[in-house]
């Protein structure tokens, strides 16, 4: 199975995020920091609600952590580990993403 092209790397702010709905219906998001990307299922481990405040807004105001729009839980960008909030000790479910030829791909 070949990787799915999600978007061009330049389509995601640095740092920033972008949400996607995959062909199988899964809702995911990608966070960009420089040339690196991290992908996660768009569901907070606390109650399963989407994390974005508005479309494509997944980061805290200072853009240092992923922040849940519902209860303010904060997650480390690099591994999705919950740093504070009601899901402390949990983590976001990772989605394998990479950059290939300037494109962000899943799979």
PDB file of N, CA and C in Angstrom:
ATOM      1  N   UNK A   1       0.839  -1.184   0.000  1.00  0.00           N
ATOM      2  CA  UNK A   1       0.000   0.000   0.000  1.00  0.00           C
ATOM      3  C   UNK A   1       0.882   1.245   0.000  1.00  0.00           C
ATOM      4  N   UNK A   2       0.654   2.133  -0.941  1.00  0.00           N
ATOM      5  CA  UNK A   2       1.498   3.320  -1.041  1.00  0.00           C
ATOM      6  C   UNK A   2       0.994   4.409  -0.098  1.00  0.00           C
ATOM      7  N   UNK A   3       1.900   5.312   0.304  1.00  0.00           N
ATOM      8  CA  UNK A   3       1.507   6.387   1.219  1.00  0.00           C
ATOM      9  C   UNK A   3       0.455   7.307   0.581  1.00  0.00           C
ATOM     10  N   UNK A   4      -0.367   7.908   1.425  1.00  0.00           N
ATOM     11  CA  UNK A   4      -1.374   8.863   0.988  1.00  0.00           C
ATOM     12  C   UNK A   4      -0.803  10.265   1.117  1.00  0.00           C
ATOM     13  N   UNK A   5      -0.823  11.037   0.041  1.00  0.00           N
ATOM     14  CA  UNK A   5      -0.370  12.422   0.089  1.00  0.00           C
ATOM     15  C   UNK A   5      -1.448  13.251   0.766  1.00  0.00           C
ATOM     16  N   UNK A   6      -1.060  13.978   1.825  1.00  0.00           N
ATOM     17  CA  UNK A   6      -2.001  14.810   2.562  1.00  0.00           C
ATOM     18  C   UNK A   6      -1.986  16.255   2.068  1.00  0.00           C
ATOM     19  N   UNK A   7      -0.788  16.819   1.912  1.00  0.00           N
ATOM     20  CA  UNK A   7      -0.652  18.202   1.470  1.00  0.00           C
ATOM     21  C   UNK A   7       0.823  18.497   1.260  1.00  0.00           C
ATOM     22  N   UNK A   8       1.117  19.678   0.757  1.00  0.00           N
ATOM     23  CA  UNK A   8       2.502  20.138   0.679  1.00  0.00           C
ATOM     24  C   UNK A   8       2.931  20.590   2.075  1.00  0.00           C
ATOM     25  N   UNK A   9       4.194  20.379   2.421  1.00  0.00           N
ATOM     26  CA  UNK A   9       4.699  20.816   3.720  1.00  0.00           C
ATOM     27  C   UNK A   9       4.442  22.310   3.907  1.00  0.00           C
ATOM     28  N   UNK A  10       4.622  23.079   2.858  1.00  0.00           N
ATOM     29  CA  UNK A  10       4.432  24.539   2.956  1.00  0.00           C
ATOM     30  C   UNK A  10       2.980  24.942   3.216  1.00  0.00           C
ATOM     31  N   UNK A  11       2.036  24.016   3.098  1.00  0.00           N
ATOM     32  CA  UNK A  11       0.633  24.309   3.394  1.00  0.00           C
ATOM     33  C   UNK A  11       0.341  24.325   4.899  1.00  0.00           C
ATOM     34  N   UNK A  12       1.320  23.917   5.715  1.00  0.00           N
ATOM     35  CA  UNK A  12       1.161  23.919   7.169  1.00  0.00           C
ATOM     36  C   UNK A  12       2.077  24.989   7.739  1.00  0.00           C
ATOM     37  N   UNK A  13       1.520  25.897   8.547  1.00  0.00           N
ATOM     38  CA  UNK A  13       2.335  26.934   9.181  1.00  0.00           C
ATOM     39  C   UNK A  13       3.453  26.294   9.992  1.00  0.00           C
ATOM     40  N   UNK A  14       4.528  27.036  10.214  1.00  0.00           N
ATOM     41  CA  UNK A  14       5.672  26.551  10.987  1.00  0.00           C
ATOM     42  C   UNK A  14       5.925  27.487  12.164  1.00  0.00           C
ATOM     43  N   UNK A  15       5.603  27.085  13.396  1.00  0.00           N
ATOM     44  CA  UNK A  15       4.899  25.852  13.755  1.00  0.00           C
ATOM     45  C   UNK A  15       3.396  26.022  13.546  1.00  0.00           C
ATOM     46  N   UNK A  16       2.742  24.905  13.317  1.00  0.00           N
ATOM     47  CA  UNK A  16       1.299  24.934  13.116  1.00  0.00           C
ATOM     48  C   UNK A  16       0.758  23.548  12.884  1.00  0.00           C
ATOM     49  N   UNK A  17      -0.514  23.472  12.561  1.00  0.00           N
ATOM     50  CA  UNK A  17      -1.155  22.184  12.360  1.00  0.00           C
ATOM     51  C   UNK A  17      -2.197  22.248  11.268  1.00  0.00           C
ATOM     52  N   UNK A  18      -2.597  21.068  10.831  1.00  0.00           N
ATOM     53  CA  UNK A  18      -3.624  20.962   9.793  1.00  0.00           C
ATOM     54  C   UNK A  18      -4.368  19.651  10.009  1.00  0.00           C
ATOM     55  N   UNK A  19      -5.694  19.709   9.935  1.00  0.00           N
ATOM     56  CA  UNK A  19      -6.514  18.524  10.095  1.00  0.00           C
ATOM     57  C   UNK A  19      -6.883  17.913   8.761  1.00  0.00           C
ATOM     58  N   UNK A  20      -7.152  16.615   8.767  1.00  0.00           N
ATOM     59  CA  UNK A  20      -7.501  15.872   7.555  1.00  0.00           C
ATOM     60  C   UNK A  20      -8.544  14.817   7.895  1.00  0.00           C
ATOM     61  N   UNK A  21      -9.394  14.508   6.913  1.00  0.00           N
ATOM     62  CA  UNK A  21     -10.280  13.355   7.002  1.00  0.00           C
ATOM     63  C   UNK A  21      -9.809  12.405   5.911  1.00  0.00           C
ATOM     64  N   UNK A  22      -9.363  11.225   6.323  1.00  0.00           N
ATOM     65  CA  UNK A  22      -8.829  10.249   5.376  1.00  0.00           C
ATOM     66  C   UNK A  22      -9.963   9.516   4.660  1.00  0.00           C
ATOM     67  N   UNK A  23      -9.628   8.831   3.590  1.00  0.00           N
ATOM     68  CA  UNK A  23     -10.605   8.097   2.792  1.00  0.00           C
ATOM     69  C   UNK A  23     -11.414   7.089   3.588  1.00  0.00           C
ATOM     70  N   UNK A  24     -10.824   6.544   4.652  1.00  0.00           N
ATOM     71  CA  UNK A  24     -11.536   5.572   5.484  1.00  0.00           C
ATOM     72  C   UNK A  24     -12.355   6.244   6.592  1.00  0.00           C
ATOM     73  N   UNK A  25     -12.408   7.587   6.573  1.00  0.00           N
ATOM     74  CA  UNK A  25     -13.192   8.323   7.556  1.00  0.00           C
ATOM     75  C   UNK A  25     -12.443   8.751   8.803  1.00  0.00           C
ATOM     76  N   UNK A  26     -11.215   8.270   8.989  1.00  0.00           N
ATOM     77  CA  UNK A  26     -10.443   8.672  10.169  1.00  0.00           C
ATOM     78  C   UNK A  26     -10.135  10.161  10.108  1.00  0.00           C
ATOM     79  N   UNK A  27     -10.259  10.819  11.261  1.00  0.00           N
ATOM     80  CA  UNK A  27      -9.897  12.236  11.391  1.00  0.00           C
ATOM     81  C   UNK A  27      -8.533  12.292  12.069  1.00  0.00           C
ATOM     82  N   UNK A  28      -7.586  12.907  11.385  1.00  0.00           N
ATOM     83  CA  UNK A  28      -6.231  13.017  11.916  1.00  0.00           C
ATOM     84  C   UNK A  28      -5.787  14.473  11.812  1.00  0.00           C
ATOM     85  N   UNK A  29      -4.657  14.769  12.440  1.00  0.00           N
ATOM     86  CA  UNK A  29      -4.046  16.080  12.249  1.00  0.00           C
ATOM     87  C   UNK A  29      -2.535  15.917  12.228  1.00  0.00           C
ATOM     88  N   UNK A  30      -1.895  16.879  11.601  1.00  0.00           N
ATOM     89  CA  UNK A  30      -0.435  16.890  11.488  1.00  0.00           C
ATOM     90  C   UNK A  30       0.061  18.202  12.071  1.00  0.00           C
ATOM     91  N   UNK A  31       1.069  18.117  12.923  1.00  0.00           N
ATOM     92  CA  UNK A  31       1.739  19.284  13.472  1.00  0.00           C
ATOM     93  C   UNK A  31       3.100  19.406  12.797  1.00  0.00           C
ATOM     94  N   UNK A  32       3.428  20.615  12.371  1.00  0.00           N
ATOM     95  CA  UNK A  32       4.727  20.875  11.743  1.00  0.00           C
ATOM     96  C   UNK A  32       5.580  21.723  12.671  1.00  0.00           C
ATOM     97  N   UNK A  33       6.840  21.350  12.753  1.00  0.00           N
ATOM     98  CA  UNK A  33       7.883  22.151  13.394  1.00  0.00           C
ATOM     99  C   UNK A  33       9.088  22.073  12.477  1.00  0.00           C
ATOM    100  N   UNK A  34       9.405  23.160  11.809  1.00  0.00           N
ATOM    101  CA  UNK A  34      10.497  23.147  10.848  1.00  0.00           C
ATOM    102  C   UNK A  34      10.190  22.177   9.726  1.00  0.00           C
ATOM    103  N   UNK A  35      11.150  21.303   9.450  1.00  0.00           N
ATOM    104  CA  UNK A  35      10.958  20.305   8.400  1.00  0.00           C
ATOM    105  C   UNK A  35      10.332  19.022   8.950  1.00  0.00           C
ATOM    106  N   UNK A  36      10.095  18.970  10.274  1.00  0.00           N
ATOM    107  CA  UNK A  36       9.545  17.769  10.898  1.00  0.00           C
ATOM    108  C   UNK A  36       8.038  17.816  11.043  1.00  0.00           C
ATOM    109  N   UNK A  37       7.400  16.654  10.972  1.00  0.00           N
ATOM    110  CA  UNK A  37       5.955  16.543  11.145  1.00  0.00           C
ATOM    111  C   UNK A  37       5.625  15.410  12.111  1.00  0.00           C
ATOM    112  N   UNK A  38       4.516  15.585  12.823  1.00  0.00           N
ATOM    113  CA  UNK A  38       4.019  14.589  13.778  1.00  0.00           C
ATOM    114  C   UNK A  38       2.534  14.443  13.540  1.00  0.00           C
ATOM    115  N   UNK A  39       2.049  13.210  13.407  1.00  0.00           N
ATOM    116  CA  UNK A  39       0.641  12.971  13.129  1.00  0.00           C
ATOM    117  C   UNK A  39      -0.052  12.243  14.266  1.00  0.00           C
ATOM    118  N   UNK A  40      -1.326  12.613  14.491  1.00  0.00           N
ATOM    119  CA  UNK A  40      -2.126  12.005  15.556  1.00  0.00           C
ATOM    120  C   UNK A  40      -3.584  11.893  15.122  1.00  0.00           C
ATOM    121  N   UNK A  41      -4.299  10.955  15.726  1.00  0.00           N
ATOM    122  CA  UNK A  41      -5.745  10.862  15.563  1.00  0.00           C
ATOM    123  C   UNK A  41      -6.340  12.094  16.253  1.00  0.00           C
ATOM    124  N   UNK A  42      -7.305  12.733  15.609  1.00  0.00           N
ATOM    125  CA  UNK A  42      -7.906  13.950  16.155  1.00  0.00           C
ATOM    126  C   UNK A  42      -8.991  13.603  17.168  1.00  0.00           C
ATOM    127  N   UNK A  43      -8.555  13.073  18.311  1.00  0.00           N
ATOM    128  CA  UNK A  43      -9.464  12.713  19.401  1.00  0.00           C
ATOM    129  C   UNK A  43      -8.702  12.786  20.717  1.00  0.00           C
ATOM    130  N   UNK A  44      -9.229  13.571  21.649  1.00  0.00           N
ATOM    131  CA  UNK A  44      -8.610  13.667  22.971  1.00  0.00           C
ATOM    132  C   UNK A  44      -8.821  12.346  23.714  1.00  0.00           C
ATOM    133  N   UNK A  45      -7.788  11.827  24.376  1.00  0.00           N
ATOM    134  CA  UNK A  45      -7.953  10.575  25.116  1.00  0.00           C
ATOM    135  C   UNK A  45      -8.922  10.696  26.306  1.00  0.00           C
ATOM    136  N   UNK A  46      -9.239  11.908  26.713  1.00  0.00           N
ATOM    137  CA  UNK A  46     -10.135  12.108  27.849  1.00  0.00           C
ATOM    138  C   UNK A  46     -11.584  11.760  27.497  1.00  0.00           C
ATOM    139  N   UNK A  47     -12.123  12.367  26.419  1.00  0.00           N
ATOM    140  CA  UNK A  47     -13.516  12.105  26.050  1.00  0.00           C
ATOM    141  C   UNK A  47     -13.707  11.840  24.563  1.00  0.00           C
ATOM    142  N   UNK A  48     -12.622  11.760  23.812  1.00  0.00           N
ATOM    143  CA  UNK A  48     -12.717  11.449  22.398  1.00  0.00           C
ATOM    144  C   UNK A  48     -13.138  12.608  21.509  1.00  0.00           C
ATOM    145  N   UNK A  49     -13.215  13.817  22.072  1.00  0.00           N
ATOM    146  CA  UNK A  49     -13.629  14.987  21.290  1.00  0.00           C
ATOM    147  C   UNK A  49     -12.474  15.469  20.408  1.00  0.00           C
ATOM    148  N   UNK A  50     -12.790  16.141  19.297  1.00  0.00           N
ATOM    149  CA  UNK A  50     -11.721  16.704  18.466  1.00  0.00           C
ATOM    150  C   UNK A  50     -10.918  17.734  19.256  1.00  0.00           C
ATOM    151  N   UNK A  51      -9.638  17.858  18.925  1.00  0.00           N
ATOM    152  CA  UNK A  51      -8.755  18.754  19.661  1.00  0.00           C
ATOM    153  C   UNK A  51      -8.742  20.182  19.140  1.00  0.00           C
ATOM    154  N   UNK A  52      -9.068  20.403  17.878  1.00  0.00           N
ATOM    155  CA  UNK A  52      -8.891  21.736  17.302  1.00  0.00           C
ATOM    156  C   UNK A  52      -9.911  22.749  17.820  1.00  0.00           C
ATOM    157  N   UNK A  53      -9.388  23.947  18.111  1.00  0.00           N
ATOM    158  CA  UNK A  53     -10.185  25.075  18.590  1.00  0.00           C
ATOM    159  C   UNK A  53     -11.073  25.599  17.463  1.00  0.00           C
ATOM    160  N   UNK A  54     -10.479  25.757  16.319  1.00  0.00           N
ATOM    161  CA  UNK A  54     -11.110  26.132  15.057  1.00  0.00           C
ATOM    162  C   UNK A  54     -10.432  25.243  14.026  1.00  0.00           C
ATOM    163  N   UNK A  55     -10.940  25.193  12.816  1.00  0.00           N
ATOM    164  CA  UNK A  55     -10.249  24.350  11.827  1.00  0.00           C
ATOM    165  C   UNK A  55      -8.744  24.655  11.779  1.00  0.00           C
ATOM    166  N   UNK A  56      -7.951  23.600  11.916  1.00  0.00           N
ATOM    167  CA  UNK A  56      -6.487  23.651  11.821  1.00  0.00           C
ATOM    168  C   UNK A  56      -5.786  24.372  12.974  1.00  0.00           C
ATOM    169  N   UNK A  57      -6.478  24.646  14.077  1.00  0.00           N
ATOM    170  CA  UNK A  57      -5.844  25.269  15.246  1.00  0.00           C
ATOM    171  C   UNK A  57      -5.759  24.218  16.356  1.00  0.00           C
ATOM    172  N   UNK A  58      -4.567  23.641  16.494  1.00  0.00           N
ATOM    173  CA  UNK A  58      -4.338  22.554  17.451  1.00  0.00           C
ATOM    174  C   UNK A  58      -3.356  22.932  18.556  1.00  0.00           C
ATOM    175  N   UNK A  59      -2.651  24.044  18.390  1.00  0.00           N
ATOM    176  CA  UNK A  59      -1.586  24.405  19.322  1.00  0.00           C
ATOM    177  C   UNK A  59      -2.036  25.463  20.325  1.00  0.00           C
ATOM    178  N   UNK A  60      -1.345  25.495  21.463  1.00  0.00           N
ATOM    179  CA  UNK A  60      -1.573  26.531  22.463  1.00  0.00           C
ATOM    180  C   UNK A  60      -1.212  27.892  21.865  1.00  0.00           C
ATOM    181  N   UNK A  61      -1.578  28.956  22.547  1.00  0.00           N
ATOM    182  CA  UNK A  61      -1.314  30.309  22.049  1.00  0.00           C
ATOM    183  C   UNK A  61       0.169  30.522  21.752  1.00  0.00           C
ATOM    184  N   UNK A  62       1.050  29.995  22.619  1.00  0.00           N
ATOM    185  CA  UNK A  62       2.493  30.169  22.378  1.00  0.00           C
ATOM    186  C   UNK A  62       3.065  29.099  21.440  1.00  0.00           C
ATOM    187  N   UNK A  63       2.208  28.211  20.942  1.00  0.00           N
ATOM    188  CA  UNK A  63       2.564  27.168  19.967  1.00  0.00           C
ATOM    189  C   UNK A  63       3.603  26.170  20.481  1.00  0.00           C
ATOM    190  N   UNK A  64       3.655  25.998  21.804  1.00  0.00           N
ATOM    191  CA  UNK A  64       4.644  25.087  22.387  1.00  0.00           C
ATOM    192  C   UNK A  64       4.101  23.685  22.619  1.00  0.00           C
ATOM    193  N   UNK A  65       2.756  23.542  22.698  1.00  0.00           N
ATOM    194  CA  UNK A  65       2.129  22.247  22.962  1.00  0.00           C
ATOM    195  C   UNK A  65       0.828  22.137  22.169  1.00  0.00           C
ATOM    196  N   UNK A  66       0.372  20.898  21.971  1.00  0.00           N
ATOM    197  CA  UNK A  66      -0.956  20.639  21.427  1.00  0.00           C
ATOM    198  C   UNK A  66      -1.924  20.833  22.589  1.00  0.00           C
ATOM    199  N   UNK A  67      -3.049  21.499  22.332  1.00  0.00           N
ATOM    200  CA  UNK A  67      -3.994  21.764  23.415  1.00  0.00           C
ATOM    201  C   UNK A  67      -5.406  21.384  22.999  1.00  0.00           C
ATOM    202  N   UNK A  68      -6.093  20.652  23.858  1.00  0.00           N
ATOM    203  CA  UNK A  68      -7.471  20.242  23.605  1.00  0.00           C
ATOM    204  C   UNK A  68      -8.412  21.432  23.772  1.00  0.00           C
ATOM    205  N   UNK A  69      -9.295  21.600  22.809  1.00  0.00           N
ATOM    206  CA  UNK A  69     -10.222  22.729  22.829  1.00  0.00           C
ATOM    207  C   UNK A  69     -11.304  22.593  23.900  1.00  0.00           C
ATOM    208  N   UNK A  70     -11.572  21.400  24.386  1.00  0.00           N
ATOM    209  CA  UNK A  70     -12.677  21.197  25.321  1.00  0.00           C
ATOM    210  C   UNK A  70     -12.278  21.425  26.777  1.00  0.00           C
ATOM    211  N   UNK A  71     -11.241  20.760  27.252  1.00  0.00           N
ATOM    212  CA  UNK A  71     -10.865  20.879  28.657  1.00  0.00           C
ATOM    213  C   UNK A  71      -9.457  21.421  28.867  1.00  0.00           C
ATOM    214  N   UNK A  72      -8.773  21.810  27.801  1.00  0.00           N
ATOM    215  CA  UNK A  72      -7.466  22.438  27.938  1.00  0.00           C
ATOM    216  C   UNK A  72      -6.312  21.490  28.194  1.00  0.00           C
ATOM    217  N   UNK A  73      -6.524  20.187  28.072  1.00  0.00           N
ATOM    218  CA  UNK A  73      -5.408  19.251  28.247  1.00  0.00           C
ATOM    219  C   UNK A  73      -4.293  19.625  27.274  1.00  0.00           C
ATOM    220  N   UNK A  74      -3.054  19.454  27.712  1.00  0.00           N
ATOM    221  CA  UNK A  74      -1.904  19.787  26.874  1.00  0.00           C
ATOM    222  C   UNK A  74      -1.062  18.548  26.618  1.00  0.00           C
ATOM    223  N   UNK A  75      -0.570  18.457  25.381  1.00  0.00           N
ATOM    224  CA  UNK A  75       0.174  17.289  24.926  1.00  0.00           C
ATOM    225  C   UNK A  75       1.496  17.712  24.305  1.00  0.00           C
ATOM    226  N   UNK A  76       2.538  16.931  24.561  1.00  0.00           N
ATOM    227  CA  UNK A  76       3.845  17.178  23.950  1.00  0.00           C
ATOM    228  C   UNK A  76       3.746  16.916  22.451  1.00  0.00           C
ATOM    229  N   UNK A  77       4.268  17.818  21.649  1.00  0.00           N
ATOM    230  CA  UNK A  77       4.184  17.707  20.193  1.00  0.00           C
ATOM    231  C   UNK A  77       4.915  16.464  19.694  1.00  0.00           C
ATOM    232  N   UNK A  78       6.066  16.176  20.224  1.00  0.00           N
ATOM    233  CA  UNK A  78       6.923  15.113  19.699  1.00  0.00           C
ATOM    234  C   UNK A  78       6.375  13.710  19.867  1.00  0.00           C
ATOM    235  N   UNK A  79       5.599  13.457  20.946  1.00  0.00           N
ATOM    236  CA  UNK A  79       5.133  12.085  21.174  1.00  0.00           C
ATOM    237  C   UNK A  79       3.675  11.986  21.636  1.00  0.00           C
ATOM    238  N   UNK A  80       2.981  13.121  21.753  1.00  0.00           N
ATOM    239  CA  UNK A  80       1.569  13.103  22.129  1.00  0.00           C
ATOM    240  C   UNK A  80       1.280  12.830  23.590  1.00  0.00           C
ATOM    241  N   UNK A  81       2.309  12.761  24.427  1.00  0.00           N
ATOM    242  CA  UNK A  81       2.135  12.487  25.849  1.00  0.00           C
ATOM    243  C   UNK A  81       1.382  13.638  26.512  1.00  0.00           C
ATOM    244  N   UNK A  82       0.360  13.321  27.330  1.00  0.00           N
ATOM    245  CA  UNK A  82      -0.402  14.349  28.040  1.00  0.00           C
ATOM    246  C   UNK A  82       0.455  14.918  29.166  1.00  0.00           C
ATOM    247  N   UNK A  83       0.634  16.236  29.145  1.00  0.00           N
ATOM    248  CA  UNK A  83       1.459  16.919  30.135  1.00  0.00           C
ATOM    249  C   UNK A  83       0.636  17.514  31.268  1.00  0.00           C
ATOM    250  N   UNK A  84      -0.618  17.858  30.973  1.00  0.00           N
ATOM    251  CA  UNK A  84      -1.495  18.418  32.001  1.00  0.00           C
ATOM    252  C   UNK A  84      -2.942  18.265  31.561  1.00  0.00           C
ATOM    253  N   UNK A  85      -3.835  18.280  32.551  1.00  0.00           N
ATOM    254  CA  UNK A  85      -5.258  18.174  32.249  1.00  0.00           C
ATOM    255  C   UNK A  85      -5.844  16.848  32.673  1.00  0.00           C
ATOM    256  N   UNK A  86      -7.114  16.606  32.331  1.00  0.00           N
ATOM    257  CA  UNK A  86      -7.831  15.435  32.819  1.00  0.00           C
ATOM    258  C   UNK A  86      -7.355  14.094  32.250  1.00  0.00           C
ATOM    259  N   UNK A  87      -6.476  14.113  31.261  1.00  0.00           N
ATOM    260  CA  UNK A  87      -6.004  12.841  30.695  1.00  0.00           C
ATOM    261  C   UNK A  87      -4.535  12.588  31.029  1.00  0.00           C
ATOM    262  N   UNK A  88      -4.040  13.204  32.092  1.00  0.00           N
ATOM    263  CA  UNK A  88      -2.653  13.022  32.515  1.00  0.00           C
ATOM    264  C   UNK A  88      -2.328  11.539  32.607  1.00  0.00           C
ATOM    265  N   UNK A  89      -1.209  11.146  32.013  1.00  0.00           N
ATOM    266  CA  UNK A  89      -0.822   9.740  31.982  1.00  0.00           C
ATOM    267  C   UNK A  89      -1.242   9.042  30.701  1.00  0.00           C
ATOM    268  N   UNK A  90      -2.064   9.687  29.892  1.00  0.00           N
ATOM    269  CA  UNK A  90      -2.486   9.144  28.597  1.00  0.00           C
ATOM    270  C   UNK A  90      -1.682   9.816  27.493  1.00  0.00           C
ATOM    271  N   UNK A  91      -1.962   9.422  26.271  1.00  0.00           N
ATOM    272  CA  UNK A  91      -1.282  10.037  25.129  1.00  0.00           C
ATOM    273  C   UNK A  91      -2.212  10.011  23.920  1.00  0.00           C
ATOM    274  N   UNK A  92      -1.946  10.906  22.981  1.00  0.00           N
ATOM    275  CA  UNK A  92      -2.652  10.893  21.711  1.00  0.00           C
ATOM    276  C   UNK A  92      -2.244   9.658  20.933  1.00  0.00           C
ATOM    277  N   UNK A  93      -3.137   9.159  20.079  1.00  0.00           N
ATOM    278  CA  UNK A  93      -2.806   7.998  19.243  1.00  0.00           C
ATOM    279  C   UNK A  93      -2.032   8.474  18.024  1.00  0.00           C
ATOM    280  N   UNK A  94      -0.793   7.989  17.856  1.00  0.00           N
ATOM    281  CA  UNK A  94       0.028   8.449  16.733  1.00  0.00           C
ATOM    282  C   UNK A  94      -0.460   7.920  15.391  1.00  0.00           C
ATOM    283  N   UNK A  95      -0.190   8.682  14.359  1.00  0.00           N
ATOM    284  CA  UNK A  95      -0.451   8.311  12.970  1.00  0.00           C
ATOM    285  C   UNK A  95       0.867   8.490  12.239  1.00  0.00           C
ATOM    286  N   UNK A  96       1.358   7.469  11.529  1.00  0.00           N
ATOM    287  CA  UNK A  96       2.644   7.613  10.849  1.00  0.00           C
ATOM    288  C   UNK A  96       2.562   8.598   9.693  1.00  0.00           C
ATOM    289  N   UNK A  97       3.351   9.664   9.801  1.00  0.00           N
ATOM    290  CA  UNK A  97       3.442  10.669   8.728  1.00  0.00           C
ATOM    291  C   UNK A  97       4.909  10.973   8.480  1.00  0.00           C
ATOM    292  N   UNK A  98       5.183  11.473   7.287  1.00  0.00           N
ATOM    293  CA  UNK A  98       6.556  11.821   6.913  1.00  0.00           C
ATOM    294  C   UNK A  98       6.499  12.886   5.831  1.00  0.00           C
ATOM    295  N   UNK A  99       7.665  13.451   5.539  1.00  0.00           N
ATOM    296  CA  UNK A  99       7.793  14.394   4.441  1.00  0.00           C
ATOM    297  C   UNK A  99       8.585  13.700   3.343  1.00  0.00           C
ATOM    298  N   UNK A 100       8.036  13.684   2.147  1.00  0.00           N
ATOM    299  CA  UNK A 100       8.693  13.067   0.984  1.00  0.00           C
ATOM    300  C   UNK A 100       8.537  13.996  -0.209  1.00  0.00           C
ATOM    301  N   UNK A 101       9.654  14.485  -0.717  1.00  0.00           N
ATOM    302  CA  UNK A 101       9.604  15.368  -1.865  1.00  0.00           C
ATOM    303  C   UNK A 101       8.801  16.622  -1.620  1.00  0.00           C
ATOM    304  N   UNK A 102       8.866  17.157  -0.403  1.00  0.00           N
ATOM    305  CA  UNK A 102       8.140  18.371  -0.063  1.00  0.00           C
ATOM    306  C   UNK A 102       6.667  18.159   0.227  1.00  0.00           C
ATOM    307  N   UNK A 103       6.224  16.902   0.213  1.00  0.00           N
ATOM    308  CA  UNK A 103       4.820  16.589   0.500  1.00  0.00           C
ATOM    309  C   UNK A 103       4.709  15.850   1.832  1.00  0.00           C
ATOM    310  N   UNK A 104       3.648  16.117   2.574  1.00  0.00           N
ATOM    311  CA  UNK A 104       3.367  15.381   3.802  1.00  0.00           C
ATOM    312  C   UNK A 104       2.547  14.157   3.410  1.00  0.00           C
ATOM    313  N   UNK A 105       3.027  12.979   3.824  1.00  0.00           N
ATOM    314  CA  UNK A 105       2.353  11.738   3.477  1.00  0.00           C
ATOM    315  C   UNK A 105       2.017  10.947   4.739  1.00  0.00           C
ATOM    316  N   UNK A 106       0.939  10.172   4.653  1.00  0.00           N
ATOM    317  CA  UNK A 106       0.521   9.295   5.740  1.00  0.00           C
ATOM    318  C   UNK A 106       0.681   7.862   5.262  1.00  0.00           C
ATOM    319  N   UNK A 107       1.173   7.023   6.172  1.00  0.00           N
ATOM    320  CA  UNK A 107       1.281   5.616   5.834  1.00  0.00           C
ATOM    321  C   UNK A 107       2.693   5.121   5.746  1.00  0.00           C
TER     322      UNK A 107
END
